[in-house]
């Protein structure tokens, strides 16, 4: 796991410059395991808006699954691994 976490040391710059603050917020909540419905309720958005943000995040980062998004968020320090 340590090797994976150290895989892309400069990618946090990509996260800050490519994703909007709202996209980073949604990425964090997705990585924490919240569903689109839960995120929508938490942020007072429609489910469709959350899904659109998720799709845009995935396109910008060239990531194709929620599992990959979660790994990316952990690597970027957007969420912490619980021990």
PDB file of N, CA and C in Angstrom:
ATOM      1  N   UNK A   1       0.824  -1.184   0.000  1.00  0.00           N
ATOM      2  CA  UNK A   1       0.000   0.000   0.000  1.00  0.00           C
ATOM      3  C   UNK A   1       0.873   1.253   0.000  1.00  0.00           C
ATOM      4  N   UNK A   2       1.963   1.254   0.756  1.00  0.00           N
ATOM      5  CA  UNK A   2       2.839   2.429   0.807  1.00  0.00           C
ATOM      6  C   UNK A   2       3.375   2.765  -0.573  1.00  0.00           C
ATOM      7  N   UNK A   3       3.740   1.725  -1.346  1.00  0.00           N
ATOM      8  CA  UNK A   3       4.249   1.958  -2.699  1.00  0.00           C
ATOM      9  C   UNK A   3       3.187   2.629  -3.557  1.00  0.00           C
ATOM     10  N   UNK A   4       1.953   2.194  -3.410  1.00  0.00           N
ATOM     11  CA  UNK A   4       0.875   2.799  -4.191  1.00  0.00           C
ATOM     12  C   UNK A   4       0.660   4.254  -3.793  1.00  0.00           C
ATOM     13  N   UNK A   5       0.675   4.516  -2.500  1.00  0.00           N
ATOM     14  CA  UNK A   5       0.453   5.881  -2.027  1.00  0.00           C
ATOM     15  C   UNK A   5       1.544   6.826  -2.493  1.00  0.00           C
ATOM     16  N   UNK A   6       2.737   6.318  -2.700  1.00  0.00           N
ATOM     17  CA  UNK A   6       3.861   7.143  -3.146  1.00  0.00           C
ATOM     18  C   UNK A   6       4.019   7.156  -4.654  1.00  0.00           C
ATOM     19  N   UNK A   7       3.107   6.532  -5.361  1.00  0.00           N
ATOM     20  CA  UNK A   7       3.206   6.343  -6.805  1.00  0.00           C
ATOM     21  C   UNK A   7       3.275   7.651  -7.602  1.00  0.00           C
ATOM     22  N   UNK A   8       2.470   8.635  -7.243  1.00  0.00           N
ATOM     23  CA  UNK A   8       2.386   9.860  -8.041  1.00  0.00           C
ATOM     24  C   UNK A   8       2.527  11.088  -7.146  1.00  0.00           C
ATOM     25  N   UNK A   9       3.752  11.437  -6.766  1.00  0.00           N
ATOM     26  CA  UNK A   9       3.928  12.531  -5.816  1.00  0.00           C
ATOM     27  C   UNK A   9       3.490  13.900  -6.313  1.00  0.00           C
ATOM     28  N   UNK A  10       3.468  14.152  -7.611  1.00  0.00           N
ATOM     29  CA  UNK A  10       3.094  15.472  -8.122  1.00  0.00           C
ATOM     30  C   UNK A  10       1.644  15.547  -8.576  1.00  0.00           C
ATOM     31  N   UNK A  11       0.899  14.471  -8.387  1.00  0.00           N
ATOM     32  CA  UNK A  11      -0.456  14.472  -8.909  1.00  0.00           C
ATOM     33  C   UNK A  11      -1.404  15.353  -8.102  1.00  0.00           C
ATOM     34  N   UNK A  12      -1.055  15.711  -6.859  1.00  0.00           N
ATOM     35  CA  UNK A  12      -1.941  16.595  -6.108  1.00  0.00           C
ATOM     36  C   UNK A  12      -2.056  17.952  -6.796  1.00  0.00           C
ATOM     37  N   UNK A  13      -1.015  18.366  -7.492  1.00  0.00           N
ATOM     38  CA  UNK A  13      -1.082  19.594  -8.272  1.00  0.00           C
ATOM     39  C   UNK A  13      -2.147  19.453  -9.362  1.00  0.00           C
ATOM     40  N   UNK A  14      -2.233  18.286  -9.957  1.00  0.00           N
ATOM     41  CA  UNK A  14      -3.251  18.024 -10.972  1.00  0.00           C
ATOM     42  C   UNK A  14      -4.631  18.152 -10.354  1.00  0.00           C
ATOM     43  N   UNK A  15      -4.816  17.564  -9.187  1.00  0.00           N
ATOM     44  CA  UNK A  15      -6.115  17.630  -8.516  1.00  0.00           C
ATOM     45  C   UNK A  15      -6.510  19.069  -8.252  1.00  0.00           C
ATOM     46  N   UNK A  16      -5.582  19.885  -7.776  1.00  0.00           N
ATOM     47  CA  UNK A  16      -5.901  21.281  -7.450  1.00  0.00           C
ATOM     48  C   UNK A  16      -6.157  22.124  -8.690  1.00  0.00           C
ATOM     49  N   UNK A  17      -5.491  21.840  -9.805  1.00  0.00           N
ATOM     50  CA  UNK A  17      -5.628  22.697 -10.977  1.00  0.00           C
ATOM     51  C   UNK A  17      -6.686  22.209 -11.953  1.00  0.00           C
ATOM     52  N   UNK A  18      -6.922  20.913 -12.029  1.00  0.00           N
ATOM     53  CA  UNK A  18      -7.852  20.373 -13.016  1.00  0.00           C
ATOM     54  C   UNK A  18      -9.276  20.324 -12.486  1.00  0.00           C
ATOM     55  N   UNK A  19      -9.431  19.978 -11.218  1.00  0.00           N
ATOM     56  CA  UNK A  19     -10.761  19.847 -10.638  1.00  0.00           C
ATOM     57  C   UNK A  19     -11.186  21.143  -9.948  1.00  0.00           C
ATOM     58  N   UNK A  20     -12.464  21.442 -10.061  1.00  0.00           N
ATOM     59  CA  UNK A  20     -12.999  22.589  -9.337  1.00  0.00           C
ATOM     60  C   UNK A  20     -13.110  22.222  -7.854  1.00  0.00           C
ATOM     61  N   UNK A  21     -13.323  23.206  -7.015  1.00  0.00           N
ATOM     62  CA  UNK A  21     -13.461  22.926  -5.586  1.00  0.00           C
ATOM     63  C   UNK A  21     -14.684  22.045  -5.331  1.00  0.00           C
ATOM     64  N   UNK A  22     -15.751  22.239  -6.063  1.00  0.00           N
ATOM     65  CA  UNK A  22     -16.948  21.407  -5.905  1.00  0.00           C
ATOM     66  C   UNK A  22     -16.653  19.965  -6.333  1.00  0.00           C
ATOM     67  N   UNK A  23     -15.914  19.804  -7.423  1.00  0.00           N
ATOM     68  CA  UNK A  23     -15.549  18.461  -7.869  1.00  0.00           C
ATOM     69  C   UNK A  23     -14.666  17.763  -6.837  1.00  0.00           C
ATOM     70  N   UNK A  24     -13.724  18.490  -6.241  1.00  0.00           N
ATOM     71  CA  UNK A  24     -12.885  17.897  -5.184  1.00  0.00           C
ATOM     72  C   UNK A  24     -13.734  17.483  -3.993  1.00  0.00           C
ATOM     73  N   UNK A  25     -14.715  18.320  -3.652  1.00  0.00           N
ATOM     74  CA  UNK A  25     -15.599  18.014  -2.533  1.00  0.00           C
ATOM     75  C   UNK A  25     -16.408  16.738  -2.823  1.00  0.00           C
ATOM     76  N   UNK A  26     -16.940  16.638  -4.013  1.00  0.00           N
ATOM     77  CA  UNK A  26     -17.718  15.458  -4.386  1.00  0.00           C
ATOM     78  C   UNK A  26     -16.822  14.228  -4.464  1.00  0.00           C
ATOM     79  N   UNK A  27     -15.621  14.378  -4.997  1.00  0.00           N
ATOM     80  CA  UNK A  27     -14.676  13.262  -5.038  1.00  0.00           C
ATOM     81  C   UNK A  27     -14.397  12.756  -3.631  1.00  0.00           C
ATOM     82  N   UNK A  28     -14.186  13.648  -2.704  1.00  0.00           N
ATOM     83  CA  UNK A  28     -13.921  13.268  -1.316  1.00  0.00           C
ATOM     84  C   UNK A  28     -15.102  12.485  -0.738  1.00  0.00           C
ATOM     85  N   UNK A  29     -16.301  12.969  -0.949  1.00  0.00           N
ATOM     86  CA  UNK A  29     -17.486  12.299  -0.416  1.00  0.00           C
ATOM     87  C   UNK A  29     -17.709  10.940  -1.071  1.00  0.00           C
ATOM     88  N   UNK A  30     -17.461  10.846  -2.373  1.00  0.00           N
ATOM     89  CA  UNK A  30     -17.551   9.558  -3.064  1.00  0.00           C
ATOM     90  C   UNK A  30     -16.559   8.567  -2.476  1.00  0.00           C
ATOM     91  N   UNK A  31     -15.344   9.036  -2.267  1.00  0.00           N
ATOM     92  CA  UNK A  31     -14.295   8.170  -1.731  1.00  0.00           C
ATOM     93  C   UNK A  31     -14.590   7.745  -0.296  1.00  0.00           C
ATOM     94  N   UNK A  32     -15.345   8.551   0.416  1.00  0.00           N
ATOM     95  CA  UNK A  32     -15.743   8.196   1.780  1.00  0.00           C
ATOM     96  C   UNK A  32     -16.889   7.197   1.788  1.00  0.00           C
ATOM     97  N   UNK A  33     -17.403   6.872   0.603  1.00  0.00           N
ATOM     98  CA  UNK A  33     -18.420   5.827   0.491  1.00  0.00           C
ATOM     99  C   UNK A  33     -19.844   6.316   0.391  1.00  0.00           C
ATOM    100  N   UNK A  34     -20.046   7.608   0.266  1.00  0.00           N
ATOM    101  CA  UNK A  34     -21.404   8.127   0.146  1.00  0.00           C
ATOM    102  C   UNK A  34     -21.942   7.880  -1.258  1.00  0.00           C
ATOM    103  N   UNK A  35     -23.224   7.625  -1.347  1.00  0.00           N
ATOM    104  CA  UNK A  35     -23.875   7.449  -2.644  1.00  0.00           C
ATOM    105  C   UNK A  35     -24.191   8.821  -3.239  1.00  0.00           C
ATOM    106  N   UNK A  36     -24.553   8.826  -4.514  1.00  0.00           N
ATOM    107  CA  UNK A  36     -24.934  10.083  -5.164  1.00  0.00           C
ATOM    108  C   UNK A  36     -26.130  10.710  -4.443  1.00  0.00           C
ATOM    109  N   UNK A  37     -27.062   9.881  -4.007  1.00  0.00           N
ATOM    110  CA  UNK A  37     -28.240  10.380  -3.293  1.00  0.00           C
ATOM    111  C   UNK A  37     -27.836  11.022  -1.967  1.00  0.00           C
ATOM    112  N   UNK A  38     -26.923  10.389  -1.234  1.00  0.00           N
ATOM    113  CA  UNK A  38     -26.470  10.933   0.044  1.00  0.00           C
ATOM    114  C   UNK A  38     -25.693  12.232  -0.144  1.00  0.00           C
ATOM    115  N   UNK A  39     -24.847  12.263  -1.181  1.00  0.00           N
ATOM    116  CA  UNK A  39     -24.075  13.472  -1.471  1.00  0.00           C
ATOM    117  C   UNK A  39     -25.018  14.611  -1.841  1.00  0.00           C
ATOM    118  N   UNK A  40     -26.014  14.302  -2.666  1.00  0.00           N
ATOM    119  CA  UNK A  40     -26.985  15.315  -3.079  1.00  0.00           C
ATOM    120  C   UNK A  40     -27.692  15.911  -1.865  1.00  0.00           C
ATOM    121  N   UNK A  41     -28.093  15.069  -0.936  1.00  0.00           N
ATOM    122  CA  UNK A  41     -28.774  15.556   0.257  1.00  0.00           C
ATOM    123  C   UNK A  41     -27.829  16.376   1.130  1.00  0.00           C
ATOM    124  N   UNK A  42     -26.592  15.915   1.261  1.00  0.00           N
ATOM    125  CA  UNK A  42     -25.594  16.589   2.090  1.00  0.00           C
ATOM    126  C   UNK A  42     -25.254  17.980   1.558  1.00  0.00           C
ATOM    127  N   UNK A  43     -25.163  18.102   0.229  1.00  0.00           N
ATOM    128  CA  UNK A  43     -24.756  19.368  -0.395  1.00  0.00           C
ATOM    129  C   UNK A  43     -25.936  20.179  -0.938  1.00  0.00           C
ATOM    130  N   UNK A  44     -27.149  19.676  -0.719  1.00  0.00           N
ATOM    131  CA  UNK A  44     -28.346  20.343  -1.214  1.00  0.00           C
ATOM    132  C   UNK A  44     -28.306  20.527  -2.733  1.00  0.00           C
ATOM    133  N   UNK A  45     -27.966  19.435  -3.422  1.00  0.00           N
ATOM    134  CA  UNK A  45     -27.930  19.401  -4.883  1.00  0.00           C
ATOM    135  C   UNK A  45     -28.879  18.323  -5.375  1.00  0.00           C
ATOM    136  N   UNK A  46     -29.153  18.315  -6.662  1.00  0.00           N
ATOM    137  CA  UNK A  46     -29.929  17.212  -7.219  1.00  0.00           C
ATOM    138  C   UNK A  46     -28.995  16.023  -7.456  1.00  0.00           C
ATOM    139  N   UNK A  47     -29.565  14.847  -7.483  1.00  0.00           N
ATOM    140  CA  UNK A  47     -28.782  13.639  -7.751  1.00  0.00           C
ATOM    141  C   UNK A  47     -28.136  13.751  -9.135  1.00  0.00           C
ATOM    142  N   UNK A  48     -28.869  14.285 -10.088  1.00  0.00           N
ATOM    143  CA  UNK A  48     -28.358  14.442 -11.454  1.00  0.00           C
ATOM    144  C   UNK A  48     -27.115  15.339 -11.469  1.00  0.00           C
ATOM    145  N   UNK A  49     -27.115  16.401 -10.669  1.00  0.00           N
ATOM    146  CA  UNK A  49     -25.958  17.297 -10.596  1.00  0.00           C
ATOM    147  C   UNK A  49     -24.749  16.563 -10.036  1.00  0.00           C
ATOM    148  N   UNK A  50     -24.958  15.770  -8.996  1.00  0.00           N
ATOM    149  CA  UNK A  50     -23.863  14.993  -8.420  1.00  0.00           C
ATOM    150  C   UNK A  50     -23.331  14.011  -9.451  1.00  0.00           C
ATOM    151  N   UNK A  51     -24.207  13.333 -10.169  1.00  0.00           N
ATOM    152  CA  UNK A  51     -23.781  12.378 -11.193  1.00  0.00           C
ATOM    153  C   UNK A  51     -23.020  13.073 -12.316  1.00  0.00           C
ATOM    154  N   UNK A  52     -23.429  14.276 -12.665  1.00  0.00           N
ATOM    155  CA  UNK A  52     -22.722  15.047 -13.695  1.00  0.00           C
ATOM    156  C   UNK A  52     -21.319  15.415 -13.219  1.00  0.00           C
ATOM    157  N   UNK A  53     -21.217  15.863 -11.972  1.00  0.00           N
ATOM    158  CA  UNK A  53     -19.899  16.171 -11.418  1.00  0.00           C
ATOM    159  C   UNK A  53     -19.012  14.923 -11.411  1.00  0.00           C
ATOM    160  N   UNK A  54     -19.584  13.786 -10.991  1.00  0.00           N
ATOM    161  CA  UNK A  54     -18.813  12.540 -10.962  1.00  0.00           C
ATOM    162  C   UNK A  54     -18.322  12.175 -12.363  1.00  0.00           C
ATOM    163  N   UNK A  55     -19.180  12.295 -13.337  1.00  0.00           N
ATOM    164  CA  UNK A  55     -18.788  11.993 -14.723  1.00  0.00           C
ATOM    165  C   UNK A  55     -17.676  12.936 -15.188  1.00  0.00           C
ATOM    166  N   UNK A  56     -17.796  14.224 -14.871  1.00  0.00           N
ATOM    167  CA  UNK A  56     -16.767  15.188 -15.256  1.00  0.00           C
ATOM    168  C   UNK A  56     -15.434  14.894 -14.579  1.00  0.00           C
ATOM    169  N   UNK A  57     -15.480  14.524 -13.302  1.00  0.00           N
ATOM    170  CA  UNK A  57     -14.256  14.173 -12.569  1.00  0.00           C
ATOM    171  C   UNK A  57     -13.579  12.999 -13.249  1.00  0.00           C
ATOM    172  N   UNK A  58     -14.357  11.976 -13.552  1.00  0.00           N
ATOM    173  CA  UNK A  58     -13.805  10.767 -14.161  1.00  0.00           C
ATOM    174  C   UNK A  58     -13.197  11.070 -15.531  1.00  0.00           C
ATOM    175  N   UNK A  59     -13.847  11.917 -16.296  1.00  0.00           N
ATOM    176  CA  UNK A  59     -13.317  12.291 -17.615  1.00  0.00           C
ATOM    177  C   UNK A  59     -12.019  13.085 -17.471  1.00  0.00           C
ATOM    178  N   UNK A  60     -12.007  14.060 -16.578  1.00  0.00           N
ATOM    179  CA  UNK A  60     -10.816  14.894 -16.393  1.00  0.00           C
ATOM    180  C   UNK A  60      -9.613  14.087 -15.927  1.00  0.00           C
ATOM    181  N   UNK A  61      -9.850  13.100 -15.069  1.00  0.00           N
ATOM    182  CA  UNK A  61      -8.754  12.313 -14.505  1.00  0.00           C
ATOM    183  C   UNK A  61      -8.491  11.031 -15.284  1.00  0.00           C
ATOM    184  N   UNK A  62      -9.293  10.774 -16.308  1.00  0.00           N
ATOM    185  CA  UNK A  62      -9.182   9.546 -17.102  1.00  0.00           C
ATOM    186  C   UNK A  62      -9.273   8.319 -16.194  1.00  0.00           C
ATOM    187  N   UNK A  63     -10.256   8.334 -15.324  1.00  0.00           N
ATOM    188  CA  UNK A  63     -10.523   7.236 -14.395  1.00  0.00           C
ATOM    189  C   UNK A  63     -11.886   6.665 -14.761  1.00  0.00           C
ATOM    190  N   UNK A  64     -12.005   5.330 -14.693  1.00  0.00           N
ATOM    191  CA  UNK A  64     -13.196   4.688 -15.239  1.00  0.00           C
ATOM    192  C   UNK A  64     -14.094   3.992 -14.229  1.00  0.00           C
ATOM    193  N   UNK A  65     -13.668   3.862 -12.980  1.00  0.00           N
ATOM    194  CA  UNK A  65     -14.505   3.205 -11.978  1.00  0.00           C
ATOM    195  C   UNK A  65     -14.472   3.988 -10.665  1.00  0.00           C
ATOM    196  N   UNK A  66     -15.475   3.739  -9.840  1.00  0.00           N
ATOM    197  CA  UNK A  66     -15.518   4.375  -8.522  1.00  0.00           C
ATOM    198  C   UNK A  66     -14.356   3.872  -7.665  1.00  0.00           C
ATOM    199  N   UNK A  67     -13.996   2.604  -7.829  1.00  0.00           N
ATOM    200  CA  UNK A  67     -12.864   2.058  -7.069  1.00  0.00           C
ATOM    201  C   UNK A  67     -11.580   2.819  -7.403  1.00  0.00           C
ATOM    202  N   UNK A  68     -11.365   3.101  -8.674  1.00  0.00           N
ATOM    203  CA  UNK A  68     -10.185   3.869  -9.075  1.00  0.00           C
ATOM    204  C   UNK A  68     -10.250   5.290  -8.512  1.00  0.00           C
ATOM    205  N   UNK A  69     -11.445   5.875  -8.522  1.00  0.00           N
ATOM    206  CA  UNK A  69     -11.613   7.213  -7.948  1.00  0.00           C
ATOM    207  C   UNK A  69     -11.264   7.204  -6.463  1.00  0.00           C
ATOM    208  N   UNK A  70     -11.684   6.176  -5.769  1.00  0.00           N
ATOM    209  CA  UNK A  70     -11.398   6.059  -4.340  1.00  0.00           C
ATOM    210  C   UNK A  70      -9.901   5.942  -4.105  1.00  0.00           C
ATOM    211  N   UNK A  71      -9.233   5.107  -4.871  1.00  0.00           N
ATOM    212  CA  UNK A  71      -7.779   4.960  -4.734  1.00  0.00           C
ATOM    213  C   UNK A  71      -7.079   6.287  -5.019  1.00  0.00           C
ATOM    214  N   UNK A  72      -7.543   6.987  -6.033  1.00  0.00           N
ATOM    215  CA  UNK A  72      -6.963   8.280  -6.374  1.00  0.00           C
ATOM    216  C   UNK A  72      -7.127   9.267  -5.211  1.00  0.00           C
ATOM    217  N   UNK A  73      -8.326   9.321  -4.636  1.00  0.00           N
ATOM    218  CA  UNK A  73      -8.597  10.245  -3.533  1.00  0.00           C
ATOM    219  C   UNK A  73      -7.730   9.922  -2.322  1.00  0.00           C
ATOM    220  N   UNK A  74      -7.507   8.657  -2.048  1.00  0.00           N
ATOM    221  CA  UNK A  74      -6.656   8.252  -0.931  1.00  0.00           C
ATOM    222  C   UNK A  74      -5.222   8.695  -1.208  1.00  0.00           C
ATOM    223  N   UNK A  75      -4.754   8.425  -2.406  1.00  0.00           N
ATOM    224  CA  UNK A  75      -3.387   8.795  -2.777  1.00  0.00           C
ATOM    225  C   UNK A  75      -3.158  10.301  -2.698  1.00  0.00           C
ATOM    226  N   UNK A  76      -4.201  11.056  -3.019  1.00  0.00           N
ATOM    227  CA  UNK A  76      -4.102  12.515  -3.007  1.00  0.00           C
ATOM    228  C   UNK A  76      -4.321  13.114  -1.630  1.00  0.00           C
ATOM    229  N   UNK A  77      -4.677  12.282  -0.679  1.00  0.00           N
ATOM    230  CA  UNK A  77      -4.881  12.781   0.683  1.00  0.00           C
ATOM    231  C   UNK A  77      -6.244  13.435   0.889  1.00  0.00           C
ATOM    232  N   UNK A  78      -7.178  13.233  -0.018  1.00  0.00           N
ATOM    233  CA  UNK A  78      -8.516  13.780   0.146  1.00  0.00           C
ATOM    234  C   UNK A  78      -9.298  13.031   1.211  1.00  0.00           C
ATOM    235  N   UNK A  79      -8.958  11.769   1.403  1.00  0.00           N
ATOM    236  CA  UNK A  79      -9.539  10.950   2.472  1.00  0.00           C
ATOM    237  C   UNK A  79      -8.403  10.136   3.086  1.00  0.00           C
ATOM    238  N   UNK A  80      -8.593   9.767   4.325  1.00  0.00           N
ATOM    239  CA  UNK A  80      -7.572   8.992   5.026  1.00  0.00           C
ATOM    240  C   UNK A  80      -8.023   7.543   5.150  1.00  0.00           C
ATOM    241  N   UNK A  81      -7.045   6.656   5.153  1.00  0.00           N
ATOM    242  CA  UNK A  81      -7.338   5.247   5.425  1.00  0.00           C
ATOM    243  C   UNK A  81      -7.608   5.087   6.904  1.00  0.00           C
ATOM    244  N   UNK A  82      -8.674   4.383   7.224  1.00  0.00           N
ATOM    245  CA  UNK A  82      -8.977   4.135   8.627  1.00  0.00           C
ATOM    246  C   UNK A  82      -8.203   2.919   9.078  1.00  0.00           C
ATOM    247  N   UNK A  83      -7.571   3.030  10.239  1.00  0.00           N
ATOM    248  CA  UNK A  83      -6.796   1.894  10.751  1.00  0.00           C
ATOM    249  C   UNK A  83      -7.426   1.308  11.978  1.00  0.00           C
TER     250      UNK A  83
END
